[in-house]
N, C-alpha and C. Protein backbone atom coordinates (compact mmCIF):
# COMPACT_ATOMS: atom_id res chain seq x y z
N UNK A 1 0.84 -1.18 0.00
CA UNK A 1 0.00 0.00 0.00
C UNK A 1 0.89 1.25 0.00
N UNK A 2 0.48 2.27 -0.73
CA UNK A 2 1.25 3.50 -0.85
C UNK A 2 1.11 4.32 0.42
N UNK A 3 2.23 4.61 1.09
CA UNK A 3 2.22 5.46 2.28
C UNK A 3 3.25 6.56 2.08
N UNK A 4 2.89 7.73 2.51
CA UNK A 4 3.77 8.88 2.37
C UNK A 4 3.64 9.69 3.65
N UNK A 5 4.77 9.94 4.32
CA UNK A 5 4.73 10.62 5.60
C UNK A 5 4.29 12.08 5.50
N UNK A 6 4.26 12.64 4.30
CA UNK A 6 3.81 14.02 4.13
C UNK A 6 2.30 14.12 3.93
N UNK A 7 1.60 12.98 3.95
CA UNK A 7 0.15 12.97 3.78
C UNK A 7 -0.50 12.34 5.01
N UNK A 8 -1.75 12.69 5.27
CA UNK A 8 -2.43 12.10 6.44
C UNK A 8 -2.59 10.59 6.30
N UNK A 9 -2.43 9.89 7.42
CA UNK A 9 -2.51 8.43 7.41
C UNK A 9 -3.72 7.89 8.15
N UNK A 10 -4.44 8.76 8.83
CA UNK A 10 -5.63 8.32 9.56
C UNK A 10 -6.63 9.48 9.61
N UNK A 11 -7.79 9.23 10.20
CA UNK A 11 -8.86 10.24 10.22
C UNK A 11 -8.44 11.50 10.98
N UNK A 12 -7.76 11.33 12.10
CA UNK A 12 -7.32 12.48 12.89
C UNK A 12 -6.37 13.37 12.09
N UNK A 13 -5.41 12.75 11.43
CA UNK A 13 -4.48 13.50 10.60
C UNK A 13 -5.19 14.11 9.39
N UNK A 14 -6.18 13.40 8.85
CA UNK A 14 -6.96 13.92 7.73
C UNK A 14 -7.70 15.20 8.10
N UNK A 15 -8.25 15.22 9.30
CA UNK A 15 -8.94 16.42 9.78
C UNK A 15 -7.96 17.57 9.95
N UNK A 16 -6.80 17.29 10.55
CA UNK A 16 -5.78 18.32 10.74
C UNK A 16 -5.32 18.87 9.39
N UNK A 17 -5.06 17.98 8.44
CA UNK A 17 -4.63 18.37 7.10
C UNK A 17 -5.68 19.27 6.44
N UNK A 18 -6.94 18.87 6.51
CA UNK A 18 -8.03 19.66 5.94
C UNK A 18 -8.15 21.02 6.63
N UNK A 19 -8.04 21.04 7.94
CA UNK A 19 -8.14 22.31 8.67
C UNK A 19 -7.02 23.27 8.27
N UNK A 20 -5.80 22.77 8.19
CA UNK A 20 -4.68 23.62 7.82
C UNK A 20 -4.88 24.21 6.42
N UNK A 21 -5.18 23.35 5.47
CA UNK A 21 -5.35 23.83 4.09
C UNK A 21 -6.53 24.78 3.97
N UNK A 22 -7.67 24.43 4.58
CA UNK A 22 -8.86 25.26 4.42
C UNK A 22 -8.72 26.61 5.12
N UNK A 23 -8.11 26.63 6.30
CA UNK A 23 -7.94 27.91 7.01
C UNK A 23 -6.98 28.82 6.24
N UNK A 24 -5.88 28.28 5.78
CA UNK A 24 -4.93 29.09 5.00
C UNK A 24 -5.60 29.57 3.71
N UNK A 25 -6.28 28.67 3.02
CA UNK A 25 -6.89 29.01 1.73
C UNK A 25 -7.95 30.09 1.88
N UNK A 26 -8.87 29.91 2.81
CA UNK A 26 -9.96 30.88 2.96
C UNK A 26 -9.43 32.24 3.39
N UNK A 27 -8.41 32.26 4.24
CA UNK A 27 -7.88 33.52 4.73
C UNK A 27 -6.95 34.22 3.76
N UNK A 28 -6.56 33.56 2.69
CA UNK A 28 -5.74 34.22 1.67
C UNK A 28 -6.49 34.40 0.36
N UNK A 29 -7.17 33.35 -0.09
CA UNK A 29 -7.84 33.40 -1.39
C UNK A 29 -8.98 34.42 -1.39
N UNK A 30 -9.84 34.36 -0.39
CA UNK A 30 -11.00 35.28 -0.35
C UNK A 30 -10.57 36.75 -0.37
N UNK A 31 -9.62 37.17 0.49
CA UNK A 31 -9.21 38.58 0.42
C UNK A 31 -8.56 38.97 -0.90
N UNK A 32 -7.78 38.06 -1.50
CA UNK A 32 -7.15 38.38 -2.79
C UNK A 32 -8.21 38.53 -3.87
N UNK A 33 -9.15 37.60 -3.93
CA UNK A 33 -10.20 37.68 -4.96
C UNK A 33 -11.05 38.93 -4.75
N UNK A 34 -11.42 39.22 -3.52
CA UNK A 34 -12.20 40.44 -3.24
C UNK A 34 -11.40 41.68 -3.61
N UNK A 35 -10.11 41.67 -3.32
CA UNK A 35 -9.27 42.81 -3.68
C UNK A 35 -9.18 43.01 -5.19
N UNK A 36 -9.04 41.90 -5.91
CA UNK A 36 -8.98 42.00 -7.37
C UNK A 36 -10.31 42.47 -7.96
N UNK A 37 -11.41 42.09 -7.31
CA UNK A 37 -12.72 42.43 -7.83
C UNK A 37 -13.16 43.84 -7.44
N UNK A 38 -12.91 44.22 -6.18
CA UNK A 38 -13.43 45.51 -5.68
C UNK A 38 -12.34 46.51 -5.34
N UNK A 39 -11.10 46.12 -5.48
CA UNK A 39 -10.00 46.99 -5.13
C UNK A 39 -9.43 46.62 -3.76
N UNK A 40 -8.13 46.81 -3.62
CA UNK A 40 -7.47 46.48 -2.36
C UNK A 40 -7.55 47.69 -1.44
N UNK A 41 -8.39 47.58 -0.43
CA UNK A 41 -8.52 48.66 0.55
C UNK A 41 -8.82 48.05 1.91
N UNK A 42 -8.62 48.84 2.92
CA UNK A 42 -8.89 48.39 4.29
C UNK A 42 -10.38 48.04 4.45
N UNK A 43 -11.25 48.85 3.87
CA UNK A 43 -12.69 48.63 3.98
C UNK A 43 -13.09 47.30 3.33
N UNK A 44 -12.57 47.04 2.13
CA UNK A 44 -12.88 45.78 1.44
C UNK A 44 -12.34 44.59 2.21
N UNK A 45 -11.15 44.74 2.78
CA UNK A 45 -10.57 43.65 3.56
C UNK A 45 -11.42 43.36 4.80
N UNK A 46 -11.84 44.40 5.50
CA UNK A 46 -12.68 44.22 6.69
C UNK A 46 -14.02 43.59 6.33
N UNK A 47 -14.56 43.96 5.18
CA UNK A 47 -15.81 43.35 4.70
C UNK A 47 -15.61 41.87 4.41
N UNK A 48 -14.46 41.54 3.83
CA UNK A 48 -14.13 40.14 3.55
C UNK A 48 -14.03 39.33 4.84
N UNK A 49 -13.46 39.92 5.87
CA UNK A 49 -13.32 39.20 7.15
C UNK A 49 -14.67 38.77 7.73
N UNK A 50 -15.71 39.52 7.42
CA UNK A 50 -17.05 39.19 7.93
C UNK A 50 -17.61 37.91 7.31
N UNK A 51 -17.22 37.62 6.06
CA UNK A 51 -17.78 36.44 5.39
C UNK A 51 -16.87 35.22 5.48
N UNK A 52 -15.62 35.41 5.92
CA UNK A 52 -14.68 34.29 5.97
C UNK A 52 -15.19 33.11 6.80
N UNK A 53 -15.78 33.30 7.98
CA UNK A 53 -16.26 32.12 8.73
C UNK A 53 -17.31 31.32 7.96
N UNK A 54 -18.20 32.00 7.26
CA UNK A 54 -19.22 31.30 6.47
C UNK A 54 -18.58 30.57 5.29
N UNK A 55 -17.62 31.24 4.65
CA UNK A 55 -16.94 30.62 3.51
C UNK A 55 -16.13 29.41 3.96
N UNK A 56 -15.53 29.49 5.15
CA UNK A 56 -14.74 28.37 5.64
C UNK A 56 -15.63 27.14 5.83
N UNK A 57 -16.80 27.32 6.42
CA UNK A 57 -17.74 26.20 6.60
C UNK A 57 -18.15 25.63 5.26
N UNK A 58 -18.45 26.51 4.31
CA UNK A 58 -18.86 26.07 2.97
C UNK A 58 -17.72 25.30 2.30
N UNK A 59 -16.51 25.81 2.41
CA UNK A 59 -15.36 25.14 1.79
C UNK A 59 -15.16 23.74 2.37
N UNK A 60 -15.18 23.64 3.69
CA UNK A 60 -15.00 22.33 4.34
C UNK A 60 -16.08 21.35 3.89
N UNK A 61 -17.33 21.81 3.86
CA UNK A 61 -18.42 20.93 3.42
C UNK A 61 -18.25 20.51 1.96
N UNK A 62 -17.88 21.45 1.11
CA UNK A 62 -17.68 21.12 -0.31
C UNK A 62 -16.52 20.15 -0.50
N UNK A 63 -15.45 20.33 0.26
CA UNK A 63 -14.31 19.41 0.15
C UNK A 63 -14.73 18.01 0.56
N UNK A 64 -15.41 17.90 1.70
CA UNK A 64 -15.78 16.59 2.24
C UNK A 64 -16.89 15.91 1.45
N UNK A 65 -17.86 16.69 0.99
CA UNK A 65 -19.05 16.09 0.37
C UNK A 65 -19.04 16.07 -1.16
N UNK A 66 -18.28 16.95 -1.79
CA UNK A 66 -18.32 17.03 -3.26
C UNK A 66 -16.94 16.78 -3.87
N UNK A 67 -16.00 17.68 -3.62
CA UNK A 67 -14.70 17.60 -4.29
C UNK A 67 -13.94 16.33 -3.93
N UNK A 68 -13.85 16.02 -2.64
CA UNK A 68 -13.12 14.84 -2.21
C UNK A 68 -13.62 13.56 -2.86
N UNK A 69 -14.92 13.26 -2.73
CA UNK A 69 -15.42 12.04 -3.38
C UNK A 69 -15.27 12.05 -4.90
N UNK A 70 -15.52 13.18 -5.53
CA UNK A 70 -15.42 13.25 -7.00
C UNK A 70 -13.98 13.06 -7.45
N UNK A 71 -13.05 13.76 -6.85
CA UNK A 71 -11.64 13.63 -7.21
C UNK A 71 -11.14 12.22 -6.88
N UNK A 72 -11.61 11.67 -5.77
CA UNK A 72 -11.23 10.31 -5.39
C UNK A 72 -11.61 9.27 -6.44
N UNK A 73 -12.70 9.50 -7.14
CA UNK A 73 -13.12 8.58 -8.20
C UNK A 73 -12.38 8.83 -9.52
N UNK A 74 -12.03 10.07 -9.77
CA UNK A 74 -11.41 10.43 -11.05
C UNK A 74 -9.90 10.18 -11.05
N UNK A 75 -9.24 10.46 -9.95
CA UNK A 75 -7.78 10.42 -9.92
C UNK A 75 -7.18 9.06 -10.27
N UNK A 76 -7.77 7.93 -9.85
CA UNK A 76 -7.16 6.64 -10.23
C UNK A 76 -7.14 6.40 -11.75
N UNK A 77 -8.00 7.07 -12.48
CA UNK A 77 -8.02 6.91 -13.93
C UNK A 77 -6.82 7.57 -14.60
N UNK A 78 -6.17 8.50 -13.90
CA UNK A 78 -5.06 9.25 -14.47
C UNK A 78 -3.70 8.93 -13.84
N UNK A 79 -3.70 8.38 -12.63
CA UNK A 79 -2.45 8.13 -11.92
C UNK A 79 -1.99 6.70 -12.17
N UNK A 80 -0.73 6.56 -12.53
CA UNK A 80 -0.15 5.23 -12.76
C UNK A 80 0.68 4.78 -11.57
N UNK A 81 1.02 3.50 -11.56
CA UNK A 81 1.80 2.92 -10.46
C UNK A 81 3.17 3.58 -10.32
N UNK A 82 3.73 4.02 -11.42
CA UNK A 82 5.08 4.58 -11.37
C UNK A 82 5.09 6.09 -11.16
N UNK A 83 3.93 6.71 -11.09
CA UNK A 83 3.89 8.16 -10.86
C UNK A 83 4.37 8.49 -9.46
N UNK A 84 5.21 9.50 -9.36
CA UNK A 84 5.80 9.89 -8.09
C UNK A 84 4.87 10.77 -7.26
N UNK A 85 5.36 11.07 -6.08
CA UNK A 85 4.60 11.88 -5.12
C UNK A 85 4.22 13.23 -5.70
N UNK A 86 5.17 13.93 -6.29
CA UNK A 86 4.91 15.28 -6.82
C UNK A 86 3.85 15.26 -7.91
N UNK A 87 3.89 14.27 -8.78
CA UNK A 87 2.89 14.16 -9.84
C UNK A 87 1.50 13.93 -9.25
N UNK A 88 1.42 13.08 -8.26
CA UNK A 88 0.14 12.80 -7.60
C UNK A 88 -0.42 14.04 -6.91
N UNK A 89 0.46 14.75 -6.19
CA UNK A 89 0.03 15.96 -5.48
C UNK A 89 -0.43 17.02 -6.47
N UNK A 90 0.31 17.20 -7.54
CA UNK A 90 -0.05 18.20 -8.55
C UNK A 90 -1.40 17.89 -9.18
N UNK A 91 -1.62 16.64 -9.56
CA UNK A 91 -2.90 16.26 -10.16
C UNK A 91 -4.04 16.39 -9.16
N UNK A 92 -3.80 15.95 -7.93
CA UNK A 92 -4.83 16.05 -6.90
C UNK A 92 -5.19 17.52 -6.65
N UNK A 93 -4.19 18.37 -6.55
CA UNK A 93 -4.43 19.80 -6.34
C UNK A 93 -5.18 20.40 -7.51
N UNK A 94 -4.75 20.08 -8.73
CA UNK A 94 -5.40 20.60 -9.93
C UNK A 94 -6.88 20.21 -9.97
N UNK A 95 -7.18 18.95 -9.71
CA UNK A 95 -8.58 18.49 -9.76
C UNK A 95 -9.42 19.08 -8.63
N UNK A 96 -8.88 19.10 -7.42
CA UNK A 96 -9.62 19.68 -6.30
C UNK A 96 -9.90 21.16 -6.50
N UNK A 97 -8.87 21.90 -6.93
CA UNK A 97 -9.04 23.34 -7.14
C UNK A 97 -10.03 23.59 -8.28
N UNK A 98 -10.01 22.77 -9.31
CA UNK A 98 -10.96 22.93 -10.42
C UNK A 98 -12.39 22.78 -9.92
N UNK A 99 -12.67 21.70 -9.21
CA UNK A 99 -14.03 21.46 -8.71
C UNK A 99 -14.44 22.57 -7.74
N UNK A 100 -13.58 22.87 -6.78
CA UNK A 100 -13.93 23.87 -5.77
C UNK A 100 -14.07 25.27 -6.36
N UNK A 101 -13.19 25.63 -7.30
CA UNK A 101 -13.27 26.98 -7.87
C UNK A 101 -14.52 27.16 -8.72
N UNK A 102 -14.96 26.12 -9.40
CA UNK A 102 -16.21 26.21 -10.16
C UNK A 102 -17.37 26.46 -9.20
N UNK A 103 -17.46 25.65 -8.15
CA UNK A 103 -18.56 25.79 -7.20
C UNK A 103 -18.49 27.10 -6.42
N UNK A 104 -17.28 27.46 -5.98
CA UNK A 104 -17.15 28.66 -5.15
C UNK A 104 -17.23 29.96 -5.94
N UNK A 105 -16.99 29.90 -7.25
CA UNK A 105 -17.20 31.09 -8.08
C UNK A 105 -18.68 31.47 -8.03
N UNK A 106 -19.54 30.50 -7.97
CA UNK A 106 -20.98 30.75 -7.88
C UNK A 106 -21.39 31.02 -6.44
N UNK A 107 -21.08 30.09 -5.55
CA UNK A 107 -21.53 30.19 -4.16
C UNK A 107 -20.88 31.38 -3.45
N UNK A 108 -19.59 31.62 -3.71
CA UNK A 108 -18.90 32.75 -3.09
C UNK A 108 -19.52 34.08 -3.46
N UNK A 109 -19.95 34.21 -4.70
CA UNK A 109 -20.62 35.44 -5.13
C UNK A 109 -21.93 35.62 -4.37
N UNK A 110 -22.68 34.54 -4.23
CA UNK A 110 -23.93 34.61 -3.48
C UNK A 110 -23.70 35.00 -2.03
N UNK A 111 -22.70 34.41 -1.41
CA UNK A 111 -22.41 34.72 0.00
C UNK A 111 -21.91 36.16 0.11
N UNK A 112 -21.01 36.55 -0.78
CA UNK A 112 -20.46 37.90 -0.74
C UNK A 112 -21.47 39.00 -0.97
N UNK A 113 -22.42 38.75 -1.86
CA UNK A 113 -23.45 39.76 -2.15
C UNK A 113 -24.69 39.59 -1.28
N UNK A 114 -24.72 38.51 -0.51
CA UNK A 114 -25.85 38.19 0.37
C UNK A 114 -27.17 38.03 -0.39
N UNK A 115 -27.07 37.52 -1.62
CA UNK A 115 -28.28 37.25 -2.40
C UNK A 115 -27.99 36.20 -3.48
N UNK A 116 -28.98 35.41 -3.76
CA UNK A 116 -28.86 34.43 -4.83
C UNK A 116 -29.35 35.11 -6.11
N UNK A 117 -28.47 35.16 -7.11
CA UNK A 117 -28.80 35.84 -8.35
C UNK A 117 -28.14 35.10 -9.51
N UNK A 118 -28.36 35.62 -10.71
CA UNK A 118 -27.74 35.06 -11.90
C UNK A 118 -26.37 35.66 -12.17
N UNK A 119 -25.97 36.65 -11.37
CA UNK A 119 -24.70 37.34 -11.60
C UNK A 119 -23.50 36.40 -11.75
N UNK A 120 -23.33 35.40 -10.86
CA UNK A 120 -22.14 34.55 -11.03
C UNK A 120 -22.14 33.75 -12.33
N UNK A 121 -23.31 33.48 -12.87
CA UNK A 121 -23.39 32.75 -14.14
C UNK A 121 -23.10 33.68 -15.31
N UNK A 122 -23.53 34.94 -15.20
CA UNK A 122 -23.31 35.90 -16.27
C UNK A 122 -21.83 36.27 -16.41
N UNK A 123 -21.11 36.28 -15.30
CA UNK A 123 -19.69 36.64 -15.32
C UNK A 123 -18.79 35.43 -15.05
N UNK A 124 -19.32 34.23 -15.26
CA UNK A 124 -18.64 33.03 -14.80
C UNK A 124 -17.23 32.88 -15.34
N UNK A 125 -17.04 32.93 -16.65
CA UNK A 125 -15.72 32.62 -17.20
C UNK A 125 -14.68 33.66 -16.80
N UNK A 126 -15.04 34.92 -16.80
CA UNK A 126 -14.11 35.96 -16.36
C UNK A 126 -13.71 35.71 -14.91
N UNK A 127 -14.69 35.47 -14.06
CA UNK A 127 -14.43 35.27 -12.63
C UNK A 127 -13.75 33.94 -12.35
N UNK A 128 -14.19 32.89 -13.02
CA UNK A 128 -13.66 31.57 -12.71
C UNK A 128 -12.18 31.45 -13.05
N UNK A 129 -11.74 31.95 -14.19
CA UNK A 129 -10.33 31.84 -14.55
C UNK A 129 -9.46 32.56 -13.52
N UNK A 130 -9.89 33.72 -13.10
CA UNK A 130 -9.15 34.47 -12.08
C UNK A 130 -9.15 33.70 -10.76
N UNK A 131 -10.32 33.26 -10.33
CA UNK A 131 -10.45 32.53 -9.06
C UNK A 131 -9.63 31.24 -9.07
N UNK A 132 -9.69 30.52 -10.19
CA UNK A 132 -8.92 29.28 -10.31
C UNK A 132 -7.43 29.57 -10.17
N UNK A 133 -6.94 30.58 -10.87
CA UNK A 133 -5.52 30.91 -10.82
C UNK A 133 -5.07 31.26 -9.42
N UNK A 134 -5.82 32.09 -8.74
CA UNK A 134 -5.47 32.47 -7.36
C UNK A 134 -5.49 31.24 -6.46
N UNK A 135 -6.55 30.46 -6.52
CA UNK A 135 -6.70 29.29 -5.65
C UNK A 135 -5.64 28.24 -5.94
N UNK A 136 -5.34 28.00 -7.21
CA UNK A 136 -4.36 26.99 -7.58
C UNK A 136 -2.98 27.32 -7.02
N UNK A 137 -2.54 28.55 -7.21
CA UNK A 137 -1.19 28.91 -6.77
C UNK A 137 -1.10 29.02 -5.26
N UNK A 138 -2.14 29.52 -4.60
CA UNK A 138 -2.13 29.55 -3.12
C UNK A 138 -2.08 28.12 -2.60
N UNK A 139 -2.89 27.24 -3.17
CA UNK A 139 -2.90 25.85 -2.74
C UNK A 139 -1.57 25.16 -2.98
N UNK A 140 -1.02 25.33 -4.16
CA UNK A 140 0.20 24.64 -4.54
C UNK A 140 1.45 25.19 -3.84
N UNK A 141 1.53 26.50 -3.68
CA UNK A 141 2.75 27.10 -3.15
C UNK A 141 2.70 27.45 -1.67
N UNK A 142 1.49 27.54 -1.09
CA UNK A 142 1.38 27.95 0.31
C UNK A 142 0.69 26.89 1.16
N UNK A 143 -0.59 26.64 0.90
CA UNK A 143 -1.39 25.79 1.79
C UNK A 143 -0.91 24.34 1.81
N UNK A 144 -0.72 23.73 0.65
CA UNK A 144 -0.29 22.33 0.59
C UNK A 144 1.08 22.11 1.24
N UNK A 145 2.09 22.91 0.91
CA UNK A 145 3.39 22.69 1.56
C UNK A 145 3.34 22.83 3.08
N UNK A 146 2.59 23.79 3.58
CA UNK A 146 2.49 23.95 5.04
C UNK A 146 1.80 22.74 5.65
N UNK A 147 0.72 22.27 5.03
CA UNK A 147 -0.01 21.11 5.56
C UNK A 147 0.86 19.85 5.50
N UNK A 148 1.60 19.66 4.42
CA UNK A 148 2.49 18.49 4.31
C UNK A 148 3.63 18.57 5.33
N UNK A 149 4.14 19.77 5.57
CA UNK A 149 5.18 19.96 6.58
C UNK A 149 4.64 19.58 7.96
N UNK A 150 3.41 20.00 8.25
CA UNK A 150 2.79 19.64 9.54
C UNK A 150 2.63 18.13 9.67
N UNK A 151 2.25 17.46 8.59
CA UNK A 151 2.11 16.00 8.64
C UNK A 151 3.46 15.34 8.90
N UNK A 152 4.49 15.85 8.24
CA UNK A 152 5.82 15.28 8.43
C UNK A 152 6.32 15.51 9.85
N UNK A 153 6.08 16.69 10.39
CA UNK A 153 6.46 17.00 11.78
C UNK A 153 5.67 16.12 12.74
N UNK A 154 4.38 15.92 12.45
CA UNK A 154 3.54 15.08 13.30
C UNK A 154 4.05 13.64 13.30
N UNK A 155 4.54 13.17 12.17
CA UNK A 155 5.08 11.82 12.06
C UNK A 155 6.30 11.67 12.97
N UNK A 156 7.18 12.64 12.92
CA UNK A 156 8.38 12.58 13.76
C UNK A 156 8.03 12.65 15.24
N UNK A 157 7.06 13.50 15.57
CA UNK A 157 6.66 13.71 16.96
C UNK A 157 6.00 12.46 17.54
N UNK A 158 5.09 11.85 16.77
CA UNK A 158 4.35 10.69 17.27
C UNK A 158 5.10 9.39 17.04
N UNK A 159 6.03 9.38 16.11
CA UNK A 159 6.81 8.18 15.84
C UNK A 159 6.03 7.07 15.18
N UNK A 160 4.98 7.43 14.42
CA UNK A 160 4.22 6.40 13.70
C UNK A 160 5.15 5.63 12.77
N UNK A 161 5.08 4.32 12.79
CA UNK A 161 5.89 3.58 11.81
C UNK A 161 5.26 3.70 10.43
N UNK A 162 6.01 4.28 9.53
CA UNK A 162 5.51 4.44 8.17
C UNK A 162 6.59 4.04 7.20
N UNK A 163 6.16 3.47 6.13
CA UNK A 163 7.10 3.13 5.08
C UNK A 163 6.86 4.07 3.91
N UNK A 164 7.91 4.53 3.33
CA UNK A 164 7.79 5.44 2.20
C UNK A 164 8.16 4.68 0.94
N UNK A 165 7.14 4.37 0.14
CA UNK A 165 7.35 3.60 -1.09
C UNK A 165 7.92 4.50 -2.18
N UNK A 166 7.35 5.68 -2.33
CA UNK A 166 7.81 6.63 -3.35
C UNK A 166 8.41 7.85 -2.65
N UNK A 167 9.72 7.97 -2.57
CA UNK A 167 10.34 9.12 -1.88
C UNK A 167 10.13 10.41 -2.62
């Protein structure tokens, strides 16, 4: 079985991994997207802070109920036995960010404007490409490395016996 000390190995570690990634993502992606859309100002940032708790709950639910199961079914069709850790992480990040950015481009607009409207559909492609780019790079360069570092530190701290098949 494939084991990697930089990834969660049990439910407790899975929750910690999800919490780290989701908290970092929501607290960076939402303010950046709002800044790009409405301008970078103290007022816009403070307004964004008001919706972050709601967005965090929505993100966690979408990851657990939609993106995770969907990506879990799709990824084995693309990953081969000889694919390394970095290739797997990149594909997993790409697929998760794609699913989440599509959904959150719509839902995030509704939460941010406090109304359900057709606006996110009318501006979908303009908004989605921007949102995807921001989310992908934050996930790949910030959130994922920090979460993997925490998993690796947790492994050393707890001393779980793990075998690393693909270094």
